Protein backbone atom coordinates (compact mmCIF):
# COMPACT_ATOMS: atom_id res chain seq x y z
CA MET A 1 295.51 196.69 116.18
CA LEU A 2 298.46 195.25 114.29
CA ASP A 3 301.42 194.12 116.61
CA ASN A 4 304.33 196.78 115.63
CA ASN A 5 306.66 193.87 115.85
CA VAL A 6 305.11 191.97 112.90
CA ILE A 7 304.81 195.21 110.83
CA SER A 8 308.72 195.85 111.44
CA LYS A 9 309.41 192.35 110.32
CA VAL A 10 307.39 192.74 107.11
CA LYS A 11 308.93 196.25 106.47
CA LYS A 12 312.27 194.88 106.89
CA PHE A 13 311.73 191.96 104.42
CA ALA A 14 310.37 194.02 101.87
CA LEU A 15 312.87 197.00 102.18
CA ASP A 16 315.77 194.03 101.80
CA ASN A 17 314.08 191.80 98.88
CA PHE A 18 312.38 194.03 96.82
CA ALA A 19 313.26 197.37 94.91
CA LYS A 20 311.98 200.89 96.16
CA ASP A 21 309.53 201.15 93.02
CA ASP A 22 308.20 197.66 93.06
CA ILE A 23 304.66 197.00 93.60
CA TYR A 24 305.42 194.26 96.27
CA GLY A 25 307.55 196.86 98.12
CA PHE A 26 306.79 197.82 101.86
CA ILE A 27 304.99 201.18 100.47
CA HIS A 28 302.40 199.25 98.46
CA VAL A 29 302.03 196.95 101.73
CA GLU A 30 301.49 199.90 104.05
CA ARG A 31 299.30 201.72 101.55
CA VAL A 32 296.91 198.22 101.38
CA LEU A 33 297.32 197.88 105.04
CA ASN A 34 295.91 201.56 105.90
CA LEU A 35 293.28 200.92 103.44
CA TYR A 36 291.96 198.09 104.92
CA ILE A 37 292.13 199.38 108.29
CA GLN A 38 290.11 202.44 107.00
CA LEU A 39 287.49 200.16 105.44
CA GLY A 40 287.44 198.29 108.50
CA THR A 41 286.76 201.41 110.86
CA THR A 42 284.36 202.89 108.53
CA PHE A 43 282.51 199.51 108.33
CA PHE A 44 282.74 199.28 112.16
CA HIS A 45 281.07 202.58 112.70
CA PHE A 46 278.42 202.19 109.94
CA LYS A 47 277.42 199.02 112.07
CA LEU A 48 276.97 200.96 114.99
CA ARG A 49 275.08 203.59 113.66
CA ASN A 50 272.68 201.08 112.29
CA SER A 51 272.11 198.54 115.11
């Protein structure tokens, strides 16, 4: 999984530099990150079942 230190630095940068409602703010970044994690997990389980 991702290093929490990296996530903390990205969150601090986003909160310090972008408006709360900005599409590039951390809330958007976190939503995209969670989506990619979910897609990767689903793909991994699919590959396990079909191998």
